[in-house]
């Protein structure tokens, strides 16, 4: 069953099919925290700076409204592409630079569903903890779950490599990004507390 997604103001809408999900994790890395500061969305990370993400195939994401409001930023020239709604700065998802990699980390802040619905589809929040050392408070690492989650992601990406590139709302059929990313310079990165390049 598709789960609706929407930005905070409702201008950007769509759905995710969570049967395309690879796993679920909370990332505490400095760059994810810097990204939320870039957006000015202190309401998205948890109390320790973690962002709840569902890694999945981009084939499971549909944008049905407001595609013209979707923007992209990269914290460095070689950094991942971070997609958001520029109308209200709601984070949507993170993709690799290479459109042939079947991966998008959807940020659950844009999921328009009850937490119990998301938990039932992809497991509870915090099942996998990523980059615990960068958390702003005490969080428990999940080494086995982290390993198994990583295996699941790699397995799905490799399986997708054997077939045609899955469609993505963030890249066109030729692999060109929907929006050219704004790439932050070193001073902007430093001001946000991102990792140095």
C-alpha atoms as a PDB file:
ATOM      1  CA  UNK A   1       0.000   0.000   0.000  1.00  0.00           C
ATOM      2  CA  UNK A   2       1.473   3.388  -0.926  1.00  0.00           C
ATOM      3  CA  UNK A   3       2.242   5.820   1.883  1.00  0.00           C
ATOM      4  CA  UNK A   4       1.706   9.498   1.086  1.00  0.00           C
ATOM      5  CA  UNK A   5       4.583  11.921   1.264  1.00  0.00           C
ATOM      6  CA  UNK A   6       4.278  15.682   1.487  1.00  0.00           C
ATOM      7  CA  UNK A   7       6.305  18.702   2.405  1.00  0.00           C
ATOM      8  CA  UNK A   8       5.279  20.687   5.475  1.00  0.00           C
ATOM      9  CA  UNK A   9       3.305  23.286   3.520  1.00  0.00           C
ATOM     10  CA  UNK A  10       1.715  20.704   1.211  1.00  0.00           C
ATOM     11  CA  UNK A  11       3.034  22.107  -2.079  1.00  0.00           C
ATOM     12  CA  UNK A  12       5.074  18.948  -2.818  1.00  0.00           C
ATOM     13  CA  UNK A  13       3.249  15.621  -2.650  1.00  0.00           C
ATOM     14  CA  UNK A  14       3.684  12.056  -3.748  1.00  0.00           C
ATOM     15  CA  UNK A  15       3.830   8.476  -2.500  1.00  0.00           C
ATOM     16  CA  UNK A  16       6.335   5.837  -1.471  1.00  0.00           C
ATOM     17  CA  UNK A  17       5.842   2.108  -1.933  1.00  0.00           C
ATOM     18  CA  UNK A  18       7.672   0.705   1.075  1.00  0.00           C
ATOM     19  CA  UNK A  19       7.918  -2.796  -0.380  1.00  0.00           C
ATOM     20  CA  UNK A  20      10.852  -1.196  -2.254  1.00  0.00           C
ATOM     21  CA  UNK A  21      12.543  -0.354   1.068  1.00  0.00           C
ATOM     22  CA  UNK A  22      15.924  -1.928   1.811  1.00  0.00           C
ATOM     23  CA  UNK A  23      16.007  -1.238   5.552  1.00  0.00           C
ATOM     24  CA  UNK A  24      15.590   1.675   8.002  1.00  0.00           C
ATOM     25  CA  UNK A  25      18.189   3.624   9.929  1.00  0.00           C
ATOM     26  CA  UNK A  26      18.949   6.782  11.859  1.00  0.00           C
ATOM     27  CA  UNK A  27      22.038   8.674  10.688  1.00  0.00           C
ATOM     28  CA  UNK A  28      23.966  10.878  13.115  1.00  0.00           C
ATOM     29  CA  UNK A  29      26.773  11.921  10.757  1.00  0.00           C
ATOM     30  CA  UNK A  30      28.030  15.505  10.806  1.00  0.00           C
ATOM     31  CA  UNK A  31      26.892  16.043   7.222  1.00  0.00           C
ATOM     32  CA  UNK A  32      23.303  14.977   7.912  1.00  0.00           C
ATOM     33  CA  UNK A  33      23.261  17.325  10.890  1.00  0.00           C
ATOM     34  CA  UNK A  34      24.782  20.130   8.777  1.00  0.00           C
ATOM     35  CA  UNK A  35      22.120  19.519   6.114  1.00  0.00           C
ATOM     36  CA  UNK A  36      19.303  20.014   8.616  1.00  0.00           C
ATOM     37  CA  UNK A  37      20.990  23.255   9.736  1.00  0.00           C
ATOM     38  CA  UNK A  38      21.215  24.324   6.078  1.00  0.00           C
ATOM     39  CA  UNK A  39      17.469  23.774   5.794  1.00  0.00           C
ATOM     40  CA  UNK A  40      16.771  25.465   9.125  1.00  0.00           C
ATOM     41  CA  UNK A  41      14.771  22.400  10.174  1.00  0.00           C
ATOM     42  CA  UNK A  42      15.650  21.848  13.831  1.00  0.00           C
ATOM     43  CA  UNK A  43      12.408  19.870  14.089  1.00  0.00           C
ATOM     44  CA  UNK A  44      13.654  17.040  11.833  1.00  0.00           C
ATOM     45  CA  UNK A  45      16.581  15.502  13.769  1.00  0.00           C
ATOM     46  CA  UNK A  46      15.969  13.665  17.020  1.00  0.00           C
ATOM     47  CA  UNK A  47      17.324  14.933  20.349  1.00  0.00           C
ATOM     48  CA  UNK A  48      20.782  13.540  19.543  1.00  0.00           C
ATOM     49  CA  UNK A  49      20.965  14.923  15.989  1.00  0.00           C
ATOM     50  CA  UNK A  50      19.807  11.810  14.112  1.00  0.00           C
ATOM     51  CA  UNK A  51      17.823  11.808  10.877  1.00  0.00           C
ATOM     52  CA  UNK A  52      15.390   8.918  10.320  1.00  0.00           C
ATOM     53  CA  UNK A  53      15.971   7.497   6.829  1.00  0.00           C
ATOM     54  CA  UNK A  54      14.449   4.670   4.785  1.00  0.00           C
ATOM     55  CA  UNK A  55      16.948   3.499   2.124  1.00  0.00           C
ATOM     56  CA  UNK A  56      14.987   2.188  -0.840  1.00  0.00           C
ATOM     57  CA  UNK A  57      14.821   1.838  -4.591  1.00  0.00           C
ATOM     58  CA  UNK A  58      13.943   5.097  -6.357  1.00  0.00           C
ATOM     59  CA  UNK A  59      11.414   3.035  -8.333  1.00  0.00           C
ATOM     60  CA  UNK A  60       9.216   3.117  -5.236  1.00  0.00           C
ATOM     61  CA  UNK A  61       8.995   6.926  -5.108  1.00  0.00           C
ATOM     62  CA  UNK A  62       6.400   8.933  -7.041  1.00  0.00           C
ATOM     63  CA  UNK A  63       6.079  12.701  -7.062  1.00  0.00           C
ATOM     64  CA  UNK A  64       2.547  13.713  -8.010  1.00  0.00           C
ATOM     65  CA  UNK A  65       2.505  17.444  -7.230  1.00  0.00           C
ATOM     66  CA  UNK A  66       4.982  20.292  -6.909  1.00  0.00           C
ATOM     67  CA  UNK A  67       7.903  18.809  -8.817  1.00  0.00           C
ATOM     68  CA  UNK A  68       8.872  22.363  -9.761  1.00  0.00           C
ATOM     69  CA  UNK A  69       9.443  23.083  -6.045  1.00  0.00           C
ATOM     70  CA  UNK A  70      11.935  20.236  -5.580  1.00  0.00           C
ATOM     71  CA  UNK A  71      15.507  21.512  -5.136  1.00  0.00           C
ATOM     72  CA  UNK A  72      18.891  19.896  -4.593  1.00  0.00           C
ATOM     73  CA  UNK A  73      22.023  20.680  -2.592  1.00  0.00           C
ATOM     74  CA  UNK A  74      25.372  18.931  -2.261  1.00  0.00           C
ATOM     75  CA  UNK A  75      27.563  19.699   0.727  1.00  0.00           C
ATOM     76  CA  UNK A  76      30.663  19.178  -1.443  1.00  0.00           C
ATOM     77  CA  UNK A  77      31.411  18.685  -5.156  1.00  0.00           C
ATOM     78  CA  UNK A  78      31.508  14.900  -4.729  1.00  0.00           C
ATOM     79  CA  UNK A  79      28.865  14.731  -2.027  1.00  0.00           C
ATOM     80  CA  UNK A  80      25.540  12.981  -2.173  1.00  0.00           C
ATOM     81  CA  UNK A  81      22.608  14.853  -3.663  1.00  0.00           C
ATOM     82  CA  UNK A  82      20.177  15.997  -0.984  1.00  0.00           C
ATOM     83  CA  UNK A  83      16.687  16.736  -2.284  1.00  0.00           C
ATOM     84  CA  UNK A  84      14.219  19.000  -0.520  1.00  0.00           C
ATOM     85  CA  UNK A  85      11.112  21.121  -1.054  1.00  0.00           C
ATOM     86  CA  UNK A  86      12.342  24.680  -1.516  1.00  0.00           C
ATOM     87  CA  UNK A  87       8.964  26.118  -0.496  1.00  0.00           C
ATOM     88  CA  UNK A  88       9.263  25.092   3.168  1.00  0.00           C
ATOM     89  CA  UNK A  89      12.669  23.385   3.317  1.00  0.00           C
ATOM     90  CA  UNK A  90      11.296  19.904   3.994  1.00  0.00           C
ATOM     91  CA  UNK A  91      13.951  17.210   3.349  1.00  0.00           C
ATOM     92  CA  UNK A  92      12.771  14.559   0.896  1.00  0.00           C
ATOM     93  CA  UNK A  93      15.582  12.137   0.085  1.00  0.00           C
ATOM     94  CA  UNK A  94      19.275  11.621  -0.589  1.00  0.00           C
ATOM     95  CA  UNK A  95      20.694  10.055  -3.744  1.00  0.00           C
ATOM     96  CA  UNK A  96      24.134   9.171  -5.002  1.00  0.00           C
ATOM     97  CA  UNK A  97      25.615  11.286  -7.783  1.00  0.00           C
ATOM     98  CA  UNK A  98      25.456   8.298 -10.131  1.00  0.00           C
ATOM     99  CA  UNK A  99      21.852   7.773 -11.290  1.00  0.00           C
ATOM    100  CA  UNK A 100      22.662   4.135 -12.066  1.00  0.00           C
ATOM    101  CA  UNK A 101      22.909   3.350  -8.365  1.00  0.00           C
ATOM    102  CA  UNK A 102      19.436   2.248  -7.303  1.00  0.00           C
ATOM    103  CA  UNK A 103      19.368   4.107  -4.020  1.00  0.00           C
ATOM    104  CA  UNK A 104      17.442   6.912  -2.396  1.00  0.00           C
ATOM    105  CA  UNK A 105      17.467   7.482   1.355  1.00  0.00           C
ATOM    106  CA  UNK A 106      13.971   8.861   1.962  1.00  0.00           C
ATOM    107  CA  UNK A 107      13.773  11.104   5.032  1.00  0.00           C
ATOM    108  CA  UNK A 108      10.710  10.069   7.028  1.00  0.00           C
ATOM    109  CA  UNK A 109      10.011  13.707   7.925  1.00  0.00           C
ATOM    110  CA  UNK A 110       8.172  13.870   4.590  1.00  0.00           C
ATOM    111  CA  UNK A 111       6.076  10.726   5.232  1.00  0.00           C
ATOM    112  CA  UNK A 112       2.440  11.668   5.785  1.00  0.00           C
ATOM    113  CA  UNK A 113       1.543   8.603   7.848  1.00  0.00           C
ATOM    114  CA  UNK A 114       1.249   7.598  11.474  1.00  0.00           C
ATOM    115  CA  UNK A 115       4.525   6.377  13.038  1.00  0.00           C
ATOM    116  CA  UNK A 116       2.902   2.981  13.671  1.00  0.00           C
ATOM    117  CA  UNK A 117       2.196   2.605   9.940  1.00  0.00           C
ATOM    118  CA  UNK A 118       5.827   3.322   9.061  1.00  0.00           C
ATOM    119  CA  UNK A 119       7.074   1.002  11.825  1.00  0.00           C
ATOM    120  CA  UNK A 120       4.855  -1.817  10.548  1.00  0.00           C
ATOM    121  CA  UNK A 121       6.225  -1.426   7.014  1.00  0.00           C
ATOM    122  CA  UNK A 122       9.978  -0.982   7.649  1.00  0.00           C
ATOM    123  CA  UNK A 123      10.627  -1.691  11.322  1.00  0.00           C
ATOM    124  CA  UNK A 124      11.011   0.661  14.268  1.00  0.00           C
ATOM    125  CA  UNK A 125      12.956   3.906  14.233  1.00  0.00           C
ATOM    126  CA  UNK A 126      16.516   3.385  15.417  1.00  0.00           C
ATOM    127  CA  UNK A 127      16.704  -0.245  14.335  1.00  0.00           C
ATOM    128  CA  UNK A 128      19.984   0.646  12.642  1.00  0.00           C
ATOM    129  CA  UNK A 129      22.188   3.402  14.059  1.00  0.00           C
ATOM    130  CA  UNK A 130      24.643   5.018  11.656  1.00  0.00           C
ATOM    131  CA  UNK A 131      27.605   7.167  12.741  1.00  0.00           C
ATOM    132  CA  UNK A 132      26.817   6.997  16.455  1.00  0.00           C
ATOM    133  CA  UNK A 133      30.132   8.687  17.291  1.00  0.00           C
ATOM    134  CA  UNK A 134      28.812  11.947  15.795  1.00  0.00           C
ATOM    135  CA  UNK A 135      25.620  11.979  17.862  1.00  0.00           C
ATOM    136  CA  UNK A 136      25.132  15.002  20.105  1.00  0.00           C
ATOM    137  CA  UNK A 137      23.999  12.737  22.941  1.00  0.00           C
ATOM    138  CA  UNK A 138      24.287   9.114  23.994  1.00  0.00           C
ATOM    139  CA  UNK A 139      22.998   6.619  21.458  1.00  0.00           C
ATOM    140  CA  UNK A 140      23.531   2.874  21.326  1.00  0.00           C
ATOM    141  CA  UNK A 141      25.369   1.422  18.358  1.00  0.00           C
ATOM    142  CA  UNK A 142      23.770  -1.503  16.521  1.00  0.00           C
ATOM    143  CA  UNK A 143      26.715  -3.407  14.961  1.00  0.00           C
ATOM    144  CA  UNK A 144      24.843  -6.537  13.843  1.00  0.00           C
ATOM    145  CA  UNK A 145      21.820  -4.632  12.561  1.00  0.00           C
ATOM    146  CA  UNK A 146      24.171  -2.167  10.845  1.00  0.00           C
ATOM    147  CA  UNK A 147      25.981  -5.020   9.103  1.00  0.00           C
ATOM    148  CA  UNK A 148      22.773  -6.767   8.032  1.00  0.00           C
ATOM    149  CA  UNK A 149      21.263  -3.489   6.845  1.00  0.00           C
ATOM    150  CA  UNK A 150      24.379  -2.759   4.806  1.00  0.00           C
ATOM    151  CA  UNK A 151      24.224  -6.211   3.229  1.00  0.00           C
ATOM    152  CA  UNK A 152      20.568  -5.635   2.313  1.00  0.00           C
ATOM    153  CA  UNK A 153      21.341  -2.286   0.677  1.00  0.00           C
ATOM    154  CA  UNK A 154      24.306  -3.647  -1.313  1.00  0.00           C
ATOM    155  CA  UNK A 155      22.352  -6.757  -2.366  1.00  0.00           C
ATOM    156  CA  UNK A 156      19.467  -4.676  -3.724  1.00  0.00           C
ATOM    157  CA  UNK A 157      21.752  -2.203  -5.497  1.00  0.00           C
ATOM    158  CA  UNK A 158      23.719  -5.021  -7.151  1.00  0.00           C
ATOM    159  CA  UNK A 159      20.524  -6.799  -8.182  1.00  0.00           C
ATOM    160  CA  UNK A 160      19.283  -3.588  -9.793  1.00  0.00           C
ATOM    161  CA  UNK A 161      22.590  -3.269 -11.678  1.00  0.00           C
ATOM    162  CA  UNK A 162      21.755  -6.489 -13.517  1.00  0.00           C
ATOM    163  CA  UNK A 163      18.597  -4.997 -14.989  1.00  0.00           C
ATOM    164  CA  UNK A 164      17.527  -1.659 -16.344  1.00  0.00           C
ATOM    165  CA  UNK A 165      18.074   1.427 -14.214  1.00  0.00           C
ATOM    166  CA  UNK A 166      14.935   1.893 -12.121  1.00  0.00           C
ATOM    167  CA  UNK A 167      12.981   5.091 -12.740  1.00  0.00           C
ATOM    168  CA  UNK A 168      13.642   7.922 -10.325  1.00  0.00           C
ATOM    169  CA  UNK A 169      11.731  11.136  -9.678  1.00  0.00           C
ATOM    170  CA  UNK A 170      15.102  12.846  -9.166  1.00  0.00           C
ATOM    171  CA  UNK A 171      16.728  11.933 -12.521  1.00  0.00           C
ATOM    172  CA  UNK A 172      15.370  11.831 -16.057  1.00  0.00           C
ATOM    173  CA  UNK A 173      15.644   8.843 -18.400  1.00  0.00           C
ATOM    174  CA  UNK A 174      19.082  10.007 -19.570  1.00  0.00           C
ATOM    175  CA  UNK A 175      20.351  10.187 -15.979  1.00  0.00           C
ATOM    176  CA  UNK A 176      20.369  13.981 -15.761  1.00  0.00           C
ATOM    177  CA  UNK A 177      19.354  15.286 -12.330  1.00  0.00           C
ATOM    178  CA  UNK A 178      15.962  16.971 -12.122  1.00  0.00           C
ATOM    179  CA  UNK A 179      17.746  20.028 -10.695  1.00  0.00           C
ATOM    180  CA  UNK A 180      21.414  20.956 -10.840  1.00  0.00           C
ATOM    181  CA  UNK A 181      22.583  20.831  -7.230  1.00  0.00           C
ATOM    182  CA  UNK A 182      23.716  23.897  -5.379  1.00  0.00           C
ATOM    183  CA  UNK A 183      27.210  22.912  -4.201  1.00  0.00           C
ATOM    184  CA  UNK A 184      28.293  24.496  -0.935  1.00  0.00           C
ATOM    185  CA  UNK A 185      31.745  26.020  -0.724  1.00  0.00           C
ATOM    186  CA  UNK A 186      34.246  25.419   2.074  1.00  0.00           C
ATOM    187  CA  UNK A 187      33.133  28.453   4.089  1.00  0.00           C
ATOM    188  CA  UNK A 188      29.473  27.429   3.912  1.00  0.00           C
ATOM    189  CA  UNK A 189      30.363  23.909   4.945  1.00  0.00           C
ATOM    190  CA  UNK A 190      32.409  25.119   7.885  1.00  0.00           C
ATOM    191  CA  UNK A 191      29.628  27.465   9.033  1.00  0.00           C
ATOM    192  CA  UNK A 192      27.207  24.523   9.064  1.00  0.00           C
ATOM    193  CA  UNK A 193      29.620  22.181  10.870  1.00  0.00           C
ATOM    194  CA  UNK A 194      29.932  19.756   7.955  1.00  0.00           C
ATOM    195  CA  UNK A 195      32.961  17.505   7.597  1.00  0.00           C
ATOM    196  CA  UNK A 196      35.850  19.178   5.739  1.00  0.00           C
ATOM    197  CA  UNK A 197      36.301  18.015   2.149  1.00  0.00           C
END
